[in-house]
Every structure is written in C-alpha cells, then in structure tokens.
C-alpha cells in the first residue's frame, strides 16, 4: 500500500495543493529530500558568502542578511560572493572620492 493512500498522506497532499504546507517538506518515506538538499545548499552558500568577509566583525543583522542571501539562487550567491571579494581587494575609498 502506498502511504499516500493513508489519511495522513492524503491530508499532506491536500495541504500542499492548497499551499498550506511547504512543497519542499520531506515525505514520510524519505523519497522527497528537497528540504535536506536546500539546507545543505544554504550551508554551502553561507560559507561561500562568509569567506570574503573573514576577519570582519559581523553583527546579528549582518549574519541574518547573509543567511537570507544564502537561500537564493546559486548564480546570485556567486555574483554576490565575487562582488564581496572584489570589494575586499579594492583600495580604501577616500573621502574625496565619495564626494565626487
């Protein structure tokens, strides 16, 4: 018997169709592992984003922003990481350059 024929499985399917349950929630039998994959992707992306910021004092809001960004598309994460690396390598901006 397929577990989706059981009342719990039916209820989960209905809630997913209604948008009341995250479609990435893993099924009981473990065949849908999207939530775990998303979690791994976010951890990896977070490490990529933090690397160019090593040594900087990041506050709670900075950490929250990085975590939010880590859940984005991999192309977006790589673009932001590259931007952070270029900014880290750039010479400091003088007050004069900001005024111009």
N, C-alpha and C. Protein backbone atom coordinates (compact mmCIF):
# COMPACT_ATOMS: atom_id res chain seq x y z
N UNK A 1 0.84 -1.19 0.00
CA UNK A 1 0.00 0.00 0.00
C UNK A 1 0.88 1.25 0.00
N UNK A 2 0.58 2.15 -0.86
CA UNK A 2 1.29 3.43 -0.92
C UNK A 2 0.83 4.28 0.26
N UNK A 3 1.78 4.85 0.99
CA UNK A 3 1.40 5.61 2.18
C UNK A 3 0.56 6.83 1.85
N UNK A 4 0.62 7.31 0.61
CA UNK A 4 -0.19 8.48 0.25
C UNK A 4 -1.66 8.14 0.20
N UNK A 5 -2.00 6.82 0.20
CA UNK A 5 -3.40 6.42 0.26
C UNK A 5 -3.94 6.48 1.68
N UNK A 6 -3.03 6.60 2.65
CA UNK A 6 -3.44 6.70 4.05
C UNK A 6 -3.96 8.11 4.32
N UNK A 7 -4.78 8.27 5.36
CA UNK A 7 -5.34 9.59 5.67
C UNK A 7 -4.28 10.67 5.84
N UNK A 8 -3.17 10.37 6.52
CA UNK A 8 -2.13 11.37 6.72
C UNK A 8 -1.53 11.80 5.38
N UNK A 9 -1.28 10.83 4.52
CA UNK A 9 -0.72 11.13 3.20
C UNK A 9 -1.66 11.96 2.36
N UNK A 10 -2.94 11.62 2.42
CA UNK A 10 -3.94 12.40 1.68
C UNK A 10 -4.01 13.82 2.20
N UNK A 11 -3.99 13.97 3.51
CA UNK A 11 -4.07 15.30 4.11
C UNK A 11 -2.85 16.13 3.71
N UNK A 12 -1.66 15.51 3.74
CA UNK A 12 -0.46 16.23 3.35
C UNK A 12 -0.54 16.67 1.89
N UNK A 13 -1.02 15.79 1.02
CA UNK A 13 -1.16 16.13 -0.40
C UNK A 13 -2.13 17.30 -0.59
N UNK A 14 -3.25 17.27 0.12
CA UNK A 14 -4.24 18.35 0.01
C UNK A 14 -3.65 19.67 0.52
N UNK A 15 -2.94 19.63 1.64
CA UNK A 15 -2.35 20.84 2.19
C UNK A 15 -1.28 21.40 1.26
N UNK A 16 -0.54 20.53 0.59
CA UNK A 16 0.46 21.01 -0.37
C UNK A 16 -0.23 21.70 -1.54
N UNK A 17 -1.29 21.10 -2.06
CA UNK A 17 -2.01 21.71 -3.19
C UNK A 17 -2.58 23.07 -2.81
N UNK A 18 -3.03 23.21 -1.59
CA UNK A 18 -3.59 24.48 -1.12
C UNK A 18 -2.51 25.50 -0.78
N UNK A 19 -1.26 25.06 -0.78
CA UNK A 19 -0.18 25.96 -0.42
C UNK A 19 -0.03 26.18 1.07
N UNK A 20 -0.65 25.30 1.86
CA UNK A 20 -0.59 25.45 3.31
C UNK A 20 0.58 24.69 3.93
N UNK A 21 1.25 23.88 3.14
CA UNK A 21 2.44 23.16 3.59
C UNK A 21 3.51 23.41 2.54
N UNK A 22 4.71 23.68 3.00
CA UNK A 22 5.83 23.89 2.10
C UNK A 22 5.98 22.69 1.18
N UNK A 23 5.97 22.89 -0.14
CA UNK A 23 6.09 21.76 -1.05
C UNK A 23 7.43 21.04 -0.91
N UNK A 24 8.38 21.64 -0.22
CA UNK A 24 9.68 21.00 -0.03
C UNK A 24 9.71 20.13 1.22
N UNK A 25 8.61 20.04 1.97
CA UNK A 25 8.59 19.21 3.16
C UNK A 25 8.79 17.75 2.77
N UNK A 26 9.75 17.09 3.40
CA UNK A 26 10.01 15.70 3.01
C UNK A 26 8.83 14.78 3.28
N UNK A 27 8.62 13.82 2.40
CA UNK A 27 7.61 12.79 2.60
C UNK A 27 8.09 11.83 3.67
N UNK A 28 7.15 11.12 4.26
CA UNK A 28 7.45 10.20 5.35
C UNK A 28 8.43 9.11 4.92
N UNK A 29 8.34 8.65 3.68
CA UNK A 29 9.21 7.56 3.25
C UNK A 29 10.59 8.04 2.81
N UNK A 30 10.84 9.35 2.85
CA UNK A 30 12.15 9.89 2.57
C UNK A 30 12.48 10.05 1.10
N UNK A 31 11.53 9.78 0.20
CA UNK A 31 11.83 9.91 -1.22
C UNK A 31 11.98 11.35 -1.65
N UNK A 32 11.26 12.23 -0.99
CA UNK A 32 11.40 13.65 -1.29
C UNK A 32 12.34 14.24 -0.25
N UNK A 33 13.53 14.57 -0.67
CA UNK A 33 14.54 15.07 0.27
C UNK A 33 14.91 16.52 -0.05
N UNK A 34 14.02 17.22 -0.68
CA UNK A 34 14.31 18.58 -1.11
C UNK A 34 14.64 19.49 0.06
N UNK A 35 13.98 19.31 1.19
CA UNK A 35 14.26 20.18 2.34
C UNK A 35 15.69 19.98 2.84
N UNK A 36 16.15 18.74 2.86
CA UNK A 36 17.53 18.47 3.28
C UNK A 36 18.52 19.03 2.27
N UNK A 37 18.21 18.88 0.98
CA UNK A 37 19.09 19.42 -0.06
C UNK A 37 19.16 20.94 0.05
N UNK A 38 18.03 21.56 0.31
CA UNK A 38 18.00 23.01 0.46
C UNK A 38 18.85 23.44 1.65
N UNK A 39 18.75 22.71 2.74
CA UNK A 39 19.53 23.03 3.92
C UNK A 39 21.03 22.91 3.64
N UNK A 40 21.43 21.85 2.94
CA UNK A 40 22.85 21.69 2.59
C UNK A 40 23.30 22.81 1.67
N UNK A 41 22.46 23.15 0.69
CA UNK A 41 22.80 24.23 -0.24
C UNK A 41 22.98 25.54 0.52
N UNK A 42 22.10 25.82 1.47
CA UNK A 42 22.19 27.06 2.24
C UNK A 42 23.47 27.10 3.07
N UNK A 43 23.83 25.97 3.68
CA UNK A 43 25.07 25.94 4.47
C UNK A 43 26.29 26.19 3.59
N UNK A 44 26.29 25.56 2.41
CA UNK A 44 27.40 25.75 1.48
C UNK A 44 27.46 27.20 1.02
N UNK A 45 26.31 27.75 0.63
CA UNK A 45 26.27 29.13 0.16
C UNK A 45 26.67 30.11 1.26
N UNK A 46 26.27 29.82 2.48
CA UNK A 46 26.63 30.70 3.60
C UNK A 46 28.14 30.71 3.80
N UNK A 47 28.76 29.56 3.68
CA UNK A 47 30.23 29.50 3.80
C UNK A 47 30.89 30.29 2.67
N UNK A 48 30.34 30.19 1.46
CA UNK A 48 30.89 30.95 0.32
C UNK A 48 30.77 32.45 0.55
N UNK A 49 29.66 32.89 1.11
CA UNK A 49 29.45 34.33 1.35
C UNK A 49 30.30 34.85 2.51
N UNK A 50 30.54 34.01 3.51
CA UNK A 50 31.32 34.44 4.67
C UNK A 50 32.81 34.51 4.37
N UNK A 51 33.28 33.71 3.43
CA UNK A 51 34.72 33.62 3.16
C UNK A 51 35.36 34.99 2.88
N UNK A 52 34.81 35.81 1.97
CA UNK A 52 35.46 37.10 1.72
C UNK A 52 35.29 38.09 2.88
N UNK A 53 34.47 37.74 3.85
CA UNK A 53 34.25 38.62 5.00
C UNK A 53 35.04 38.18 6.23
N UNK A 54 35.92 37.19 6.06
CA UNK A 54 36.70 36.67 7.18
C UNK A 54 37.47 37.80 7.86
N UNK A 55 37.43 37.80 9.16
CA UNK A 55 38.14 38.81 9.94
C UNK A 55 37.31 40.04 10.25
N UNK A 56 36.18 40.19 9.60
CA UNK A 56 35.32 41.33 9.88
C UNK A 56 34.37 41.00 11.03
N UNK A 57 34.04 42.01 11.81
CA UNK A 57 33.10 41.83 12.91
C UNK A 57 31.69 41.97 12.36
N UNK A 58 30.97 40.86 12.25
CA UNK A 58 29.61 40.88 11.70
C UNK A 58 28.61 40.83 12.84
N UNK A 59 27.63 41.74 12.80
CA UNK A 59 26.61 41.74 13.85
C UNK A 59 25.47 40.79 13.47
N UNK A 60 24.48 40.74 14.31
CA UNK A 60 23.34 39.83 14.10
C UNK A 60 22.61 40.13 12.80
N UNK A 61 22.46 41.40 12.49
CA UNK A 61 21.77 41.77 11.25
C UNK A 61 22.58 41.34 10.02
N UNK A 62 23.90 41.50 10.09
CA UNK A 62 24.76 41.05 9.00
C UNK A 62 24.61 39.54 8.80
N UNK A 63 24.64 38.79 9.90
CA UNK A 63 24.51 37.34 9.82
C UNK A 63 23.15 36.95 9.24
N UNK A 64 22.10 37.65 9.65
CA UNK A 64 20.76 37.36 9.14
C UNK A 64 20.68 37.64 7.65
N UNK A 65 21.30 38.72 7.21
CA UNK A 65 21.31 39.06 5.80
C UNK A 65 22.06 38.01 4.99
N UNK A 66 23.20 37.58 5.49
CA UNK A 66 23.96 36.54 4.80
C UNK A 66 23.17 35.23 4.72
N UNK A 67 22.48 34.90 5.79
CA UNK A 67 21.66 33.68 5.80
C UNK A 67 20.53 33.80 4.78
N UNK A 68 19.90 34.95 4.70
CA UNK A 68 18.84 35.17 3.72
C UNK A 68 19.40 35.05 2.31
N UNK A 69 20.54 35.66 2.06
CA UNK A 69 21.17 35.59 0.74
C UNK A 69 21.56 34.15 0.38
N UNK A 70 21.97 33.38 1.37
CA UNK A 70 22.42 32.00 1.12
C UNK A 70 21.30 31.13 0.59
N UNK A 71 20.06 31.53 0.78
CA UNK A 71 18.92 30.75 0.31
C UNK A 71 18.52 31.12 -1.12
N UNK A 72 19.25 32.02 -1.74
CA UNK A 72 18.95 32.45 -3.10
C UNK A 72 19.55 31.49 -4.12
N UNK A 73 19.29 31.80 -5.35
CA UNK A 73 19.80 31.06 -6.49
C UNK A 73 21.33 31.01 -6.45
N UNK A 74 21.94 29.87 -6.78
CA UNK A 74 23.40 29.77 -6.75
C UNK A 74 24.12 30.82 -7.60
N UNK A 75 23.55 31.19 -8.73
CA UNK A 75 24.17 32.24 -9.55
C UNK A 75 24.20 33.58 -8.82
N UNK A 76 23.13 33.89 -8.11
CA UNK A 76 23.08 35.14 -7.33
C UNK A 76 24.10 35.10 -6.20
N UNK A 77 24.20 33.97 -5.52
CA UNK A 77 25.17 33.83 -4.43
C UNK A 77 26.59 34.00 -4.96
N UNK A 78 26.90 33.38 -6.09
CA UNK A 78 28.24 33.51 -6.67
C UNK A 78 28.53 34.94 -7.10
N UNK A 79 27.54 35.63 -7.63
CA UNK A 79 27.73 37.02 -8.04
C UNK A 79 28.01 37.91 -6.83
N UNK A 80 27.27 37.69 -5.76
CA UNK A 80 27.47 38.49 -4.55
C UNK A 80 28.82 38.17 -3.92
N UNK A 81 29.19 36.88 -3.89
CA UNK A 81 30.49 36.48 -3.36
C UNK A 81 31.61 37.16 -4.15
N UNK A 82 31.52 37.15 -5.47
CA UNK A 82 32.54 37.77 -6.31
C UNK A 82 32.61 39.28 -6.04
N UNK A 83 31.47 39.90 -5.87
CA UNK A 83 31.43 41.33 -5.55
C UNK A 83 32.11 41.61 -4.21
N UNK A 84 31.82 40.78 -3.21
CA UNK A 84 32.45 40.94 -1.90
C UNK A 84 33.96 40.76 -1.99
N UNK A 85 34.40 39.78 -2.77
CA UNK A 85 35.84 39.56 -2.93
C UNK A 85 36.52 40.74 -3.60
N UNK A 86 35.88 41.29 -4.64
CA UNK A 86 36.46 42.45 -5.33
C UNK A 86 36.49 43.67 -4.40
N UNK A 87 35.44 43.85 -3.63
CA UNK A 87 35.39 44.98 -2.69
C UNK A 87 36.47 44.83 -1.62
N UNK A 88 36.68 43.62 -1.16
CA UNK A 88 37.70 43.38 -0.13
C UNK A 88 39.10 43.68 -0.67
N UNK A 89 39.33 43.37 -1.95
CA UNK A 89 40.65 43.55 -2.56
C UNK A 89 40.89 45.00 -3.01
N UNK A 90 39.84 45.79 -3.12
CA UNK A 90 39.98 47.16 -3.63
C UNK A 90 40.64 48.06 -2.58
N UNK A 91 41.34 49.09 -3.06
CA UNK A 91 41.93 50.04 -2.12
C UNK A 91 40.83 50.82 -1.41
N UNK A 92 41.12 51.32 -0.21
CA UNK A 92 40.11 52.08 0.52
C UNK A 92 39.66 53.32 -0.27
N UNK A 93 38.42 53.66 -0.10
CA UNK A 93 37.87 54.85 -0.76
C UNK A 93 38.18 56.06 0.12
N UNK A 94 38.71 57.09 -0.48
CA UNK A 94 38.99 58.31 0.27
C UNK A 94 37.73 59.16 0.37
N UNK A 95 37.73 60.07 1.32
CA UNK A 95 36.58 60.98 1.47
C UNK A 95 36.38 61.79 0.20
N UNK A 96 37.45 62.15 -0.45
CA UNK A 96 37.39 62.94 -1.68
C UNK A 96 36.66 62.16 -2.79
N UNK A 97 36.94 60.89 -2.92
CA UNK A 97 36.33 60.07 -3.97
C UNK A 97 34.83 59.93 -3.72
N UNK A 98 34.43 59.88 -2.47
CA UNK A 98 33.00 59.76 -2.14
C UNK A 98 32.26 61.05 -2.50
N UNK A 99 32.90 62.19 -2.29
CA UNK A 99 32.26 63.49 -2.55
C UNK A 99 32.09 63.73 -4.05
N UNK A 100 32.96 63.19 -4.89
CA UNK A 100 32.87 63.41 -6.33
C UNK A 100 31.75 62.65 -6.87
